[in-house]
Amino acid sequence: MSHPPLQNAAGALPAVNRRMFMMTTAASAGTAASAGASAAAETGRAAPNPGAGSHETRVTINGRLHELKLEPRASLLDVLREQLGLTGAKKGCDHGQCGACTVHVDGRRVASCLTLAVKTDGCAVTTIEGIESADGTLHPMQQAFLDHDALQCGYCTPGQIMAAIACVREGHATSDAQIREYMSGNICRCGAYAGILEAIREAAPHVRRMEGSRHA
């Protein structure tokens, strides 16, 4: 049973305090959620899934062709992680500013959080899960990161490695200054930059030979 709000001695309604505001907001949110659930039950439809829709997209990911039905606004990052279970690319800032979600599309590095998945129709996407050899041998850049302790918590490492491979492929790993410049879009909150620089410097010749043999 609801009761009318108490009046103060002057007969005016009291000002809404923080406790009353929070209680009112929580009650309203609960009512809205219940109404939404009831509506979904009545129509027999589940809540929309941002990773699944009606836009047919054919994309090759790590050498395997996928035929997907995507929601036009879904990001490549969300599709990789939530729909395909490829969780190597990380969601850091979700604004394209940290580099944790870096993957390759047709050989070029992109921030997958800013890339619409439907835009990869007909493209080849490579994630950190797809760069080791078929026999399980680590990619030279992966091995160099391990050898030089170029990681601490590891959260940014997949994006760092994918960006590092692209840095070499683009011809931007010929000096320490150049590496720093072209890796500046990938943030390491643990500060493992010295190890990252050493790893890229060591792996660069191996990556160049690998890329050369691949395109020979």
N, C-alpha and C. Protein backbone atom coordinates (compact mmCIF):
# COMPACT_ATOMS: atom_id res chain seq x y z
N MET A 1 0.85 -1.19 0.00
CA MET A 1 0.00 0.00 0.00
C MET A 1 0.88 1.24 0.00
N SER A 2 0.59 2.20 -0.88
CA SER A 2 1.39 3.41 -0.95
C SER A 2 0.82 4.47 -0.03
N HIS A 3 1.67 5.31 0.48
CA HIS A 3 1.27 6.38 1.38
C HIS A 3 1.65 7.70 0.77
N PRO A 4 0.83 8.76 1.02
CA PRO A 4 1.18 10.07 0.49
C PRO A 4 2.42 10.58 1.17
N PRO A 5 3.24 11.38 0.46
CA PRO A 5 4.45 11.88 1.08
C PRO A 5 4.14 12.79 2.25
N LEU A 6 4.94 12.69 3.29
CA LEU A 6 4.74 13.51 4.47
C LEU A 6 5.03 14.96 4.15
N GLN A 7 4.30 15.85 4.76
CA GLN A 7 4.54 17.28 4.58
C GLN A 7 5.28 17.81 5.79
N ASN A 8 6.05 18.88 5.60
CA ASN A 8 6.73 19.47 6.73
C ASN A 8 5.79 20.42 7.47
N ALA A 9 6.31 21.07 8.50
CA ALA A 9 5.45 21.89 9.35
C ALA A 9 4.78 23.01 8.58
N ALA A 10 5.43 23.47 7.51
CA ALA A 10 4.86 24.58 6.73
C ALA A 10 3.87 24.10 5.69
N GLY A 11 3.70 22.78 5.59
CA GLY A 11 2.75 22.23 4.64
C GLY A 11 3.32 21.95 3.28
N ALA A 12 4.65 22.20 3.07
CA ALA A 12 5.27 21.95 1.77
C ALA A 12 5.88 20.56 1.72
N LEU A 13 5.98 19.98 0.50
CA LEU A 13 6.61 18.67 0.35
C LEU A 13 8.10 18.81 0.60
N PRO A 14 8.71 17.81 1.27
CA PRO A 14 10.15 17.90 1.55
C PRO A 14 10.95 17.76 0.25
N ALA A 15 12.18 18.33 0.23
CA ALA A 15 13.07 18.18 -0.92
C ALA A 15 13.48 16.71 -1.04
N VAL A 16 13.65 16.24 -2.29
CA VAL A 16 14.06 14.86 -2.51
C VAL A 16 15.52 14.70 -2.11
N ASN A 17 15.78 13.78 -1.16
CA ASN A 17 17.17 13.55 -0.75
C ASN A 17 17.75 12.40 -1.55
N ARG A 18 19.04 12.12 -1.33
CA ARG A 18 19.74 11.10 -2.12
C ARG A 18 19.13 9.73 -1.93
N ARG A 19 18.78 9.40 -0.68
CA ARG A 19 18.22 8.07 -0.40
C ARG A 19 16.90 7.88 -1.13
N MET A 20 16.04 8.92 -1.07
CA MET A 20 14.75 8.82 -1.74
C MET A 20 14.94 8.70 -3.25
N PHE A 21 15.91 9.46 -3.80
CA PHE A 21 16.17 9.42 -5.24
C PHE A 21 16.62 8.03 -5.68
N MET A 22 17.55 7.44 -4.92
CA MET A 22 18.07 6.12 -5.26
C MET A 22 16.96 5.07 -5.20
N MET A 23 16.12 5.15 -4.17
CA MET A 23 15.03 4.18 -4.03
C MET A 23 14.04 4.30 -5.19
N THR A 24 13.74 5.54 -5.55
CA THR A 24 12.79 5.76 -6.65
C THR A 24 13.36 5.27 -7.97
N THR A 25 14.67 5.55 -8.20
CA THR A 25 15.32 5.12 -9.43
C THR A 25 15.36 3.61 -9.55
N ALA A 26 15.72 2.95 -8.44
CA ALA A 26 15.79 1.48 -8.44
C ALA A 26 14.44 0.87 -8.71
N ALA A 27 13.39 1.45 -8.08
CA ALA A 27 12.05 0.92 -8.30
C ALA A 27 11.61 1.09 -9.75
N SER A 28 11.94 2.25 -10.33
CA SER A 28 11.57 2.50 -11.72
C SER A 28 12.29 1.56 -12.67
N ALA A 29 13.59 1.32 -12.39
CA ALA A 29 14.36 0.42 -13.24
C ALA A 29 13.81 -0.99 -13.18
N GLY A 30 13.44 -1.42 -11.96
CA GLY A 30 12.88 -2.76 -11.82
C GLY A 30 11.57 -2.91 -12.57
N THR A 31 10.75 -1.87 -12.49
CA THR A 31 9.47 -1.90 -13.21
C THR A 31 9.69 -1.98 -14.71
N ALA A 32 10.66 -1.19 -15.21
CA ALA A 32 10.94 -1.20 -16.65
C ALA A 32 11.46 -2.55 -17.10
N ALA A 33 12.34 -3.14 -16.29
CA ALA A 33 12.89 -4.45 -16.66
C ALA A 33 11.81 -5.51 -16.68
N SER A 34 10.91 -5.46 -15.69
CA SER A 34 9.81 -6.43 -15.65
C SER A 34 8.90 -6.27 -16.85
N ALA A 35 8.64 -5.01 -17.20
CA ALA A 35 7.78 -4.76 -18.35
C ALA A 35 8.42 -5.29 -19.62
N GLY A 36 9.75 -5.08 -19.77
CA GLY A 36 10.44 -5.56 -20.95
C GLY A 36 10.42 -7.06 -21.04
N ALA A 37 10.62 -7.74 -19.90
CA ALA A 37 10.61 -9.19 -19.88
C ALA A 37 9.23 -9.73 -20.22
N SER A 38 8.19 -9.05 -19.69
CA SER A 38 6.83 -9.49 -19.98
C SER A 38 6.51 -9.34 -21.46
N ALA A 39 6.96 -8.21 -22.04
CA ALA A 39 6.70 -7.99 -23.46
C ALA A 39 7.39 -9.04 -24.30
N ALA A 40 8.63 -9.39 -23.94
CA ALA A 40 9.36 -10.40 -24.70
C ALA A 40 8.68 -11.75 -24.59
N ALA A 41 8.18 -12.05 -23.39
CA ALA A 41 7.50 -13.34 -23.19
C ALA A 41 6.22 -13.40 -24.01
N GLU A 42 5.48 -12.27 -24.05
CA GLU A 42 4.22 -12.25 -24.78
C GLU A 42 4.45 -12.42 -26.28
N THR A 43 5.48 -11.82 -26.81
CA THR A 43 5.73 -11.92 -28.24
C THR A 43 6.50 -13.17 -28.62
N GLY A 44 7.11 -13.84 -27.61
CA GLY A 44 7.87 -15.06 -27.88
C GLY A 44 9.22 -14.79 -28.50
N ARG A 45 9.71 -13.55 -28.41
CA ARG A 45 10.99 -13.20 -29.02
C ARG A 45 12.01 -12.87 -27.94
N ALA A 46 13.26 -13.29 -28.18
CA ALA A 46 14.34 -12.98 -27.25
C ALA A 46 14.83 -11.56 -27.51
N ALA A 47 15.57 -11.03 -26.55
CA ALA A 47 16.16 -9.72 -26.73
C ALA A 47 17.14 -9.76 -27.89
N PRO A 48 17.28 -8.66 -28.62
CA PRO A 48 18.17 -8.66 -29.79
C PRO A 48 19.62 -8.94 -29.41
N ASN A 49 20.30 -9.71 -30.22
CA ASN A 49 21.71 -10.04 -30.03
C ASN A 49 22.54 -9.18 -30.96
N PRO A 50 23.41 -8.29 -30.41
CA PRO A 50 24.15 -7.39 -31.29
C PRO A 50 25.10 -8.09 -32.24
N GLY A 51 25.42 -9.37 -31.98
CA GLY A 51 26.35 -10.09 -32.84
C GLY A 51 25.69 -10.94 -33.89
N ALA A 52 24.37 -10.97 -33.93
CA ALA A 52 23.69 -11.81 -34.90
C ALA A 52 22.54 -11.04 -35.53
N GLY A 53 22.44 -11.10 -36.83
CA GLY A 53 21.38 -10.37 -37.51
C GLY A 53 21.11 -10.97 -38.87
N SER A 54 20.70 -10.14 -39.81
CA SER A 54 20.27 -10.64 -41.11
C SER A 54 21.24 -10.32 -42.24
N HIS A 55 22.31 -9.57 -41.94
CA HIS A 55 23.23 -9.18 -43.00
C HIS A 55 24.24 -10.30 -43.24
N GLU A 56 24.13 -10.97 -44.39
CA GLU A 56 25.00 -12.11 -44.68
C GLU A 56 26.41 -11.63 -45.04
N THR A 57 27.38 -12.20 -44.37
CA THR A 57 28.78 -11.80 -44.55
C THR A 57 29.64 -13.05 -44.67
N ARG A 58 30.46 -13.07 -45.69
CA ARG A 58 31.42 -14.17 -45.89
C ARG A 58 32.82 -13.62 -45.65
N VAL A 59 33.48 -14.13 -44.64
CA VAL A 59 34.80 -13.63 -44.28
C VAL A 59 35.69 -14.81 -43.90
N THR A 60 36.93 -14.76 -44.35
CA THR A 60 37.90 -15.79 -44.02
C THR A 60 38.68 -15.33 -42.79
N ILE A 61 38.61 -16.11 -41.72
CA ILE A 61 39.27 -15.76 -40.47
C ILE A 61 40.27 -16.84 -40.14
N ASN A 62 41.53 -16.45 -40.08
CA ASN A 62 42.62 -17.39 -39.80
C ASN A 62 42.60 -18.59 -40.75
N GLY A 63 42.31 -18.28 -42.02
CA GLY A 63 42.33 -19.30 -43.05
C GLY A 63 41.06 -20.12 -43.19
N ARG A 64 40.07 -19.84 -42.38
CA ARG A 64 38.82 -20.61 -42.43
C ARG A 64 37.68 -19.69 -42.84
N LEU A 65 36.91 -20.12 -43.84
CA LEU A 65 35.79 -19.32 -44.32
C LEU A 65 34.61 -19.42 -43.35
N HIS A 66 34.07 -18.26 -43.00
CA HIS A 66 32.88 -18.20 -42.14
C HIS A 66 31.76 -17.50 -42.89
N GLU A 67 30.59 -18.09 -42.87
CA GLU A 67 29.39 -17.47 -43.42
C GLU A 67 28.53 -17.04 -42.25
N LEU A 68 28.45 -15.73 -42.04
CA LEU A 68 27.82 -15.19 -40.84
C LEU A 68 26.61 -14.34 -41.19
N LYS A 69 25.67 -14.29 -40.28
CA LYS A 69 24.56 -13.35 -40.37
C LYS A 69 24.76 -12.34 -39.25
N LEU A 70 25.04 -11.10 -39.64
CA LEU A 70 25.48 -10.11 -38.68
C LEU A 70 24.51 -8.94 -38.57
N GLU A 71 24.48 -8.36 -37.39
CA GLU A 71 23.80 -7.10 -37.17
C GLU A 71 24.68 -6.00 -37.75
N PRO A 72 24.14 -5.12 -38.59
CA PRO A 72 24.99 -4.15 -39.30
C PRO A 72 25.87 -3.29 -38.42
N ARG A 73 25.48 -3.08 -37.15
CA ARG A 73 26.27 -2.20 -36.28
C ARG A 73 27.29 -2.96 -35.45
N ALA A 74 27.34 -4.27 -35.56
CA ALA A 74 28.25 -5.06 -34.72
C ALA A 74 29.70 -4.80 -35.12
N SER A 75 30.56 -4.60 -34.12
CA SER A 75 31.98 -4.40 -34.41
C SER A 75 32.65 -5.74 -34.68
N LEU A 76 33.74 -5.69 -35.42
CA LEU A 76 34.50 -6.90 -35.68
C LEU A 76 34.99 -7.51 -34.38
N LEU A 77 35.38 -6.68 -33.43
CA LEU A 77 35.86 -7.18 -32.13
C LEU A 77 34.78 -8.00 -31.43
N ASP A 78 33.56 -7.46 -31.38
CA ASP A 78 32.48 -8.18 -30.69
C ASP A 78 32.14 -9.48 -31.39
N VAL A 79 32.15 -9.48 -32.72
CA VAL A 79 31.86 -10.72 -33.45
C VAL A 79 32.94 -11.76 -33.20
N LEU A 80 34.21 -11.34 -33.24
CA LEU A 80 35.30 -12.28 -32.98
C LEU A 80 35.19 -12.88 -31.59
N ARG A 81 34.95 -12.05 -30.59
CA ARG A 81 34.96 -12.52 -29.21
C ARG A 81 33.68 -13.26 -28.82
N GLU A 82 32.53 -12.67 -29.15
CA GLU A 82 31.27 -13.17 -28.63
C GLU A 82 30.61 -14.20 -29.53
N GLN A 83 30.82 -14.10 -30.84
CA GLN A 83 30.16 -15.02 -31.74
C GLN A 83 31.07 -16.17 -32.17
N LEU A 84 32.38 -15.89 -32.28
CA LEU A 84 33.30 -16.91 -32.79
C LEU A 84 34.24 -17.45 -31.72
N GLY A 85 34.23 -16.87 -30.53
CA GLY A 85 35.05 -17.38 -29.44
C GLY A 85 36.53 -17.11 -29.59
N LEU A 86 36.90 -16.16 -30.44
CA LEU A 86 38.31 -15.79 -30.61
C LEU A 86 38.59 -14.61 -29.69
N THR A 87 39.02 -14.92 -28.48
CA THR A 87 39.12 -13.90 -27.42
C THR A 87 40.52 -13.31 -27.27
N GLY A 88 41.42 -13.62 -28.22
CA GLY A 88 42.76 -13.06 -28.14
C GLY A 88 42.75 -11.55 -28.24
N ALA A 89 42.01 -11.00 -29.20
CA ALA A 89 41.87 -9.54 -29.31
C ALA A 89 41.07 -9.07 -28.10
N LYS A 90 41.62 -8.08 -27.41
CA LYS A 90 41.02 -7.64 -26.15
C LYS A 90 40.24 -6.33 -26.31
N LYS A 91 39.21 -6.19 -25.49
CA LYS A 91 38.46 -4.93 -25.45
C LYS A 91 39.05 -4.09 -24.35
N GLY A 92 39.79 -3.04 -24.76
CA GLY A 92 40.41 -2.16 -23.78
C GLY A 92 39.61 -0.89 -23.62
N CYS A 93 39.83 0.06 -24.53
CA CYS A 93 39.12 1.33 -24.44
C CYS A 93 37.81 1.33 -25.22
N ASP A 94 37.70 0.46 -26.24
CA ASP A 94 36.54 0.41 -27.14
C ASP A 94 36.37 1.71 -27.92
N HIS A 95 37.45 2.49 -28.03
CA HIS A 95 37.42 3.75 -28.78
C HIS A 95 38.59 3.85 -29.76
N GLY A 96 39.30 2.75 -29.99
CA GLY A 96 40.40 2.77 -30.94
C GLY A 96 41.63 3.50 -30.46
N GLN A 97 41.79 3.65 -29.16
CA GLN A 97 42.89 4.46 -28.63
C GLN A 97 43.97 3.67 -27.92
N CYS A 98 43.74 2.38 -27.65
CA CYS A 98 44.73 1.63 -26.85
C CYS A 98 45.43 0.53 -27.64
N GLY A 99 44.84 0.06 -28.74
CA GLY A 99 45.48 -0.95 -29.57
C GLY A 99 45.32 -2.38 -29.11
N ALA A 100 44.64 -2.62 -27.99
CA ALA A 100 44.51 -3.99 -27.47
C ALA A 100 43.71 -4.90 -28.39
N CYS A 101 42.92 -4.31 -29.28
CA CYS A 101 42.05 -5.10 -30.16
C CYS A 101 42.62 -5.26 -31.56
N THR A 102 43.91 -4.95 -31.76
CA THR A 102 44.49 -4.95 -33.10
C THR A 102 44.44 -6.32 -33.76
N VAL A 103 43.92 -6.37 -34.97
CA VAL A 103 43.96 -7.57 -35.82
C VAL A 103 44.35 -7.12 -37.21
N HIS A 104 44.54 -8.07 -38.12
CA HIS A 104 44.86 -7.74 -39.51
C HIS A 104 43.66 -8.02 -40.41
N VAL A 105 43.37 -7.11 -41.29
CA VAL A 105 42.36 -7.30 -42.33
C VAL A 105 43.05 -7.13 -43.67
N ASP A 106 43.08 -8.21 -44.44
CA ASP A 106 43.82 -8.23 -45.71
C ASP A 106 45.26 -7.76 -45.51
N GLY A 107 45.86 -8.19 -44.41
CA GLY A 107 47.26 -7.90 -44.15
C GLY A 107 47.54 -6.57 -43.50
N ARG A 108 46.54 -5.75 -43.31
CA ARG A 108 46.74 -4.43 -42.70
C ARG A 108 46.17 -4.42 -41.30
N ARG A 109 46.88 -3.77 -40.38
CA ARG A 109 46.40 -3.71 -39.00
C ARG A 109 45.22 -2.75 -38.88
N VAL A 110 44.23 -3.16 -38.09
CA VAL A 110 43.07 -2.31 -37.84
C VAL A 110 42.71 -2.43 -36.36
N ALA A 111 42.04 -1.42 -35.86
CA ALA A 111 41.43 -1.49 -34.53
C ALA A 111 40.07 -2.16 -34.72
N SER A 112 39.97 -3.39 -34.27
CA SER A 112 38.73 -4.14 -34.55
C SER A 112 37.53 -3.58 -33.80
N CYS A 113 37.76 -2.80 -32.74
CA CYS A 113 36.62 -2.22 -32.02
C CYS A 113 35.95 -1.12 -32.84
N LEU A 114 36.68 -0.56 -33.81
CA LEU A 114 36.13 0.51 -34.66
C LEU A 114 35.76 0.02 -36.05
N THR A 115 35.97 -1.27 -36.31
CA THR A 115 35.72 -1.83 -37.64
C THR A 115 34.39 -2.56 -37.65
N LEU A 116 33.48 -2.14 -38.52
CA LEU A 116 32.20 -2.85 -38.63
C LEU A 116 32.45 -4.23 -39.23
N ALA A 117 31.91 -5.24 -38.59
CA ALA A 117 32.15 -6.61 -39.05
C ALA A 117 31.65 -6.83 -40.47
N VAL A 118 30.54 -6.19 -40.83
CA VAL A 118 29.99 -6.39 -42.18
C VAL A 118 30.92 -5.84 -43.25
N LYS A 119 31.81 -4.91 -42.86
CA LYS A 119 32.76 -4.34 -43.82
C LYS A 119 33.86 -5.32 -44.19
N THR A 120 33.97 -6.44 -43.48
CA THR A 120 34.99 -7.44 -43.79
C THR A 120 34.49 -8.50 -44.75
N ASP A 121 33.31 -8.29 -45.33
CA ASP A 121 32.77 -9.24 -46.30
C ASP A 121 33.76 -9.41 -47.45
N GLY A 122 34.17 -10.66 -47.70
CA GLY A 122 35.11 -10.95 -48.76
C GLY A 122 36.56 -10.74 -48.38
N CYS A 123 36.81 -10.38 -47.13
CA CYS A 123 38.19 -10.10 -46.69
C CYS A 123 38.78 -11.29 -45.94
N ALA A 124 40.08 -11.18 -45.69
CA ALA A 124 40.80 -12.17 -44.87
C ALA A 124 41.22 -11.50 -43.58
N VAL A 125 40.76 -12.03 -42.47
CA VAL A 125 41.07 -11.49 -41.15
C VAL A 125 42.02 -12.44 -40.44
N THR A 126 43.06 -11.89 -39.83
CA THR A 126 43.99 -12.69 -39.05
C THR A 126 44.03 -12.16 -37.63
N THR A 127 43.86 -13.06 -36.67
CA THR A 127 43.94 -12.69 -35.25
C THR A 127 45.15 -13.37 -34.64
N ILE A 128 45.41 -13.08 -33.39
CA ILE A 128 46.57 -13.66 -32.71
C ILE A 128 46.50 -15.19 -32.71
N GLU A 129 45.29 -15.74 -32.76
CA GLU A 129 45.12 -17.20 -32.77
C GLU A 129 45.59 -17.84 -34.07
N GLY A 130 45.76 -17.01 -35.11
CA GLY A 130 46.05 -17.58 -36.43
C GLY A 130 47.45 -17.36 -36.94
N ILE A 131 48.39 -16.90 -36.08
CA ILE A 131 49.71 -16.57 -36.61
C ILE A 131 50.76 -17.65 -36.36
N GLU A 132 50.50 -18.60 -35.49
CA GLU A 132 51.49 -19.66 -35.30
C GLU A 132 51.44 -20.64 -36.47
N SER A 133 52.49 -21.43 -36.62
CA SER A 133 52.56 -22.40 -37.72
C SER A 133 51.58 -23.54 -37.48
N ALA A 134 51.32 -24.27 -38.55
CA ALA A 134 50.37 -25.39 -38.46
C ALA A 134 50.83 -26.44 -37.47
N ASP A 135 52.14 -26.56 -37.26
CA ASP A 135 52.65 -27.56 -36.32
C ASP A 135 52.73 -27.04 -34.90
N GLY A 136 52.23 -25.82 -34.69
CA GLY A 136 52.22 -25.25 -33.34
C GLY A 136 53.43 -24.41 -32.99
N THR A 137 54.36 -24.25 -33.94
CA THR A 137 55.53 -23.41 -33.70
C THR A 137 55.10 -21.96 -33.62
N LEU A 138 55.58 -21.25 -32.60
CA LEU A 138 55.20 -19.86 -32.42
C LEU A 138 55.73 -19.00 -33.57
N HIS A 139 54.99 -17.96 -33.87
CA HIS A 139 55.45 -16.96 -34.82
C HIS A 139 56.72 -16.32 -34.24
N PRO A 140 57.69 -15.93 -35.09
CA PRO A 140 58.92 -15.31 -34.57
C PRO A 140 58.66 -14.13 -33.63
N MET A 141 57.61 -13.35 -33.89
CA MET A 141 57.32 -12.21 -33.02
C MET A 141 56.81 -12.69 -31.67
N GLN A 142 56.00 -13.74 -31.65
CA GLN A 142 55.55 -14.29 -30.39
C GLN A 142 56.74 -14.79 -29.57
N GLN A 143 57.63 -15.51 -30.22
CA GLN A 143 58.79 -16.06 -29.52
C GLN A 143 59.69 -14.94 -28.99
N ALA A 144 59.87 -13.88 -29.77
CA ALA A 144 60.70 -12.77 -29.34
C ALA A 144 60.10 -12.06 -28.13
N PHE A 145 58.79 -11.92 -28.09
CA PHE A 145 58.13 -11.32 -26.93
C PHE A 145 58.39 -12.15 -25.68
N LEU A 146 58.38 -13.46 -25.81
CA LEU A 146 58.68 -14.32 -24.67
C LEU A 146 60.14 -14.21 -24.27
N ASP A 147 61.02 -14.23 -25.25
CA ASP A 147 62.46 -14.21 -24.97
C ASP A 147 62.90 -12.93 -24.28
N HIS A 148 62.22 -11.82 -24.58
CA HIS A 148 62.64 -10.53 -24.04
C HIS A 148 61.69 -10.03 -22.94
N ASP A 149 60.86 -10.92 -22.40
CA ASP A 149 59.93 -10.52 -21.34
C ASP A 149 59.18 -9.24 -21.70
N ALA A 150 58.67 -9.21 -22.92
CA ALA A 150 58.01 -8.01 -23.43
C ALA A 150 56.54 -7.96 -23.02
N LEU A 151 56.25 -8.41 -21.83
CA LEU A 151 54.89 -8.41 -21.32
C LEU A 151 54.93 -8.54 -19.80
N GLN A 152 53.86 -8.07 -19.18
CA GLN A 152 53.71 -8.30 -17.74
C GLN A 152 52.34 -8.93 -17.50
N CYS A 153 51.29 -8.11 -17.44
CA CYS A 153 49.97 -8.71 -17.22
C CYS A 153 49.51 -9.48 -18.45
N GLY A 154 49.97 -9.09 -19.64
CA GLY A 154 49.63 -9.82 -20.86
C GLY A 154 48.36 -9.37 -21.55
N TYR A 155 47.62 -8.43 -20.95
CA TYR A 155 46.34 -8.05 -21.53
C TYR A 155 46.52 -7.41 -22.91
N CYS A 156 47.52 -6.54 -23.04
CA CYS A 156 47.72 -5.83 -24.31
C CYS A 156 48.57 -6.63 -25.29
N THR A 157 49.16 -7.74 -24.84
CA THR A 157 50.17 -8.44 -25.64
C THR A 157 49.68 -8.92 -27.01
N PRO A 158 48.49 -9.52 -27.14
CA PRO A 158 48.04 -9.93 -28.48
C PRO A 158 48.00 -8.76 -29.46
N GLY A 159 47.47 -7.63 -29.01
CA GLY A 159 47.42 -6.46 -29.88
C GLY A 159 48.81 -5.91 -30.18
N GLN A 160 49.70 -5.96 -29.17
CA GLN A 160 51.07 -5.51 -29.40
C GLN A 160 51.75 -6.36 -30.46
N ILE A 161 51.58 -7.68 -30.37
CA ILE A 161 52.23 -8.58 -31.33
C ILE A 161 51.67 -8.39 -32.73
N MET A 162 50.36 -8.26 -32.86
CA MET A 162 49.77 -8.05 -34.19
C MET A 162 50.22 -6.72 -34.78
N ALA A 163 50.32 -5.68 -33.94
CA ALA A 163 50.80 -4.39 -34.42
C ALA A 163 52.28 -4.46 -34.78
N ALA A 164 53.06 -5.22 -34.01
CA ALA A 164 54.49 -5.35 -34.27
C ALA A 164 54.76 -6.05 -35.61
N ILE A 165 54.00 -7.10 -35.90
CA ILE A 165 54.15 -7.79 -37.19
C ILE A 165 53.83 -6.82 -38.33
N ALA A 166 52.75 -6.05 -38.16
CA ALA A 166 52.37 -5.08 -39.19
C ALA A 166 53.43 -3.99 -39.32
N CYS A 167 54.02 -3.59 -38.20
CA CYS A 167 55.06 -2.57 -38.22
C CYS A 167 56.24 -3.01 -39.09
N VAL A 168 56.64 -4.25 -38.96
CA VAL A 168 57.73 -4.80 -39.78
C VAL A 168 57.28 -4.90 -41.23
N ARG A 169 56.09 -5.42 -41.44
CA ARG A 169 55.57 -5.61 -42.80
C ARG A 169 55.47 -4.29 -43.54
N GLU A 170 55.14 -3.22 -42.82
CA GLU A 170 55.00 -1.90 -43.44
C GLU A 170 56.34 -1.22 -43.71
N GLY A 171 57.43 -1.84 -43.23
CA GLY A 171 58.75 -1.24 -43.42
C GLY A 171 59.09 -0.17 -42.41
N HIS A 172 58.43 -0.23 -41.25
CA HIS A 172 58.61 0.80 -40.23
C HIS A 172 59.36 0.29 -39.00
N ALA A 173 60.25 -0.67 -39.23
CA ALA A 173 61.02 -1.22 -38.10
C ALA A 173 62.50 -1.17 -38.40
N THR A 174 62.95 -0.10 -39.05
CA THR A 174 64.35 -0.01 -39.43
C THR A 174 65.21 0.70 -38.39
N SER A 175 64.58 1.31 -37.39
CA SER A 175 65.33 1.96 -36.32
C SER A 175 64.49 1.97 -35.05
N ASP A 176 65.14 2.17 -33.91
CA ASP A 176 64.41 2.22 -32.65
C ASP A 176 63.39 3.36 -32.64
N ALA A 177 63.80 4.50 -33.16
CA ALA A 177 62.90 5.65 -33.19
C ALA A 177 61.67 5.37 -34.05
N GLN A 178 61.89 4.69 -35.16
CA GLN A 178 60.77 4.37 -36.06
C GLN A 178 59.83 3.37 -35.40
N ILE A 179 60.40 2.38 -34.75
CA ILE A 179 59.56 1.39 -34.06
C ILE A 179 58.71 2.08 -33.00
N ARG A 180 59.32 2.94 -32.22
CA ARG A 180 58.56 3.65 -31.17
C ARG A 180 57.42 4.47 -31.79
N GLU A 181 57.71 5.13 -32.90
CA GLU A 181 56.71 5.97 -33.54
C GLU A 181 55.53 5.14 -34.05
N TYR A 182 55.82 4.04 -34.75
CA TYR A 182 54.75 3.27 -35.38
C TYR A 182 54.11 2.24 -34.46
N MET A 183 54.61 2.13 -33.24
CA MET A 183 53.97 1.30 -32.21
C MET A 183 53.29 2.16 -31.16
N SER A 184 53.29 3.48 -31.36
CA SER A 184 52.77 4.38 -30.33
C SER A 184 51.26 4.26 -30.13
N GLY A 185 50.57 3.66 -31.07
CA GLY A 185 49.13 3.48 -30.92
C GLY A 185 48.76 2.31 -30.03
N ASN A 186 49.75 1.55 -29.57
CA ASN A 186 49.49 0.41 -28.68
C ASN A 186 50.03 0.72 -27.30
N ILE A 187 49.13 0.80 -26.34
CA ILE A 187 49.49 1.19 -24.99
C ILE A 187 49.74 -0.04 -24.12
N CYS A 188 50.84 -0.01 -23.37
CA CYS A 188 51.12 -1.04 -22.36
C CYS A 188 51.04 -0.37 -21.00
N ARG A 189 50.01 -0.64 -20.26
CA ARG A 189 49.82 0.02 -18.96
C ARG A 189 50.83 -0.48 -17.92
N CYS A 190 51.46 -1.62 -18.20
CA CYS A 190 52.49 -2.13 -17.29
C CYS A 190 53.86 -1.52 -17.58
N GLY A 191 54.00 -0.86 -18.71
CA GLY A 191 55.25 -0.20 -19.05
C GLY A 191 56.35 -1.12 -19.53
N ALA A 192 55.99 -2.16 -20.30
CA ALA A 192 56.99 -3.12 -20.79
C ALA A 192 57.59 -2.68 -22.12
N TYR A 193 57.68 -1.39 -22.34
CA TYR A 193 58.10 -0.87 -23.65
C TYR A 193 59.52 -1.25 -24.02
N ALA A 194 60.43 -1.28 -23.06
CA ALA A 194 61.82 -1.63 -23.38
C ALA A 194 61.90 -3.04 -23.95
N GLY A 195 61.19 -3.98 -23.33
CA GLY A 195 61.17 -5.35 -23.82
C GLY A 195 60.49 -5.47 -25.16
N ILE A 196 59.43 -4.70 -25.37
CA ILE A 196 58.72 -4.71 -26.65
C ILE A 196 59.64 -4.24 -27.77
N LEU A 197 60.37 -3.18 -27.50
CA LEU A 197 61.31 -2.65 -28.49
C LEU A 197 62.37 -3.69 -28.84
N GLU A 198 62.94 -4.34 -27.83
CA GLU A 198 63.97 -5.36 -28.07
C GLU A 198 63.40 -6.53 -28.86
N ALA A 199 62.18 -6.92 -28.52
CA ALA A 199 61.56 -8.06 -29.21
C ALA A 199 61.35 -7.76 -30.70
N ILE A 200 60.85 -6.57 -31.00
CA ILE A 200 60.61 -6.21 -32.40
C ILE A 200 61.92 -6.10 -33.16
N ARG A 201 62.92 -5.51 -32.52
CA ARG A 201 64.23 -5.38 -33.15
C ARG A 201 64.81 -6.74 -33.51
N GLU A 202 64.67 -7.71 -32.61
CA GLU A 202 65.22 -9.04 -32.86
C GLU A 202 64.40 -9.82 -33.89
N ALA A 203 63.07 -9.70 -33.81
CA ALA A 203 62.20 -10.51 -34.67
C ALA A 203 62.10 -9.97 -36.09
N ALA A 204 62.39 -8.68 -36.28
CA ALA A 204 62.17 -8.05 -37.58
C ALA A 204 62.81 -8.80 -38.74
N PRO A 205 64.09 -9.20 -38.67
CA PRO A 205 64.68 -9.93 -39.82
C PRO A 205 63.97 -11.25 -40.11
N HIS A 206 63.56 -11.95 -39.07
CA HIS A 206 62.86 -13.23 -39.26
C HIS A 206 61.50 -13.00 -39.91
N VAL A 207 60.80 -11.95 -39.48
CA VAL A 207 59.49 -11.65 -40.06
C VAL A 207 59.64 -11.26 -41.52
N ARG A 208 60.68 -10.47 -41.84
CA ARG A 208 60.90 -10.08 -43.23
C ARG A 208 61.15 -11.29 -44.12
N ARG A 209 61.96 -12.23 -43.63
CA ARG A 209 62.21 -13.45 -44.41
C ARG A 209 60.93 -14.25 -44.58
N MET A 210 60.15 -14.34 -43.52
CA MET A 210 58.88 -15.08 -43.59
C MET A 210 57.94 -14.43 -44.59
N GLU A 211 57.83 -13.11 -44.53
CA GLU A 211 56.95 -12.41 -45.47
C GLU A 211 57.45 -12.54 -46.90
N GLY A 212 58.78 -12.50 -47.08
CA GLY A 212 59.35 -12.64 -48.41
C GLY A 212 59.08 -13.99 -49.02
N SER A 213 59.23 -15.05 -48.23
CA SER A 213 59.00 -16.41 -48.73
C SER A 213 57.51 -16.63 -49.01
N ARG A 214 56.67 -15.96 -48.24
CA ARG A 214 55.23 -16.11 -48.43
C ARG A 214 54.76 -15.51 -49.74
N HIS A 215 55.42 -14.41 -50.15
CA HIS A 215 54.99 -13.72 -51.37
C HIS A 215 55.88 -14.02 -52.56
N ALA A 216 56.85 -14.93 -52.40
CA ALA A 216 57.76 -15.27 -53.50
C ALA A 216 57.04 -16.05 -54.58
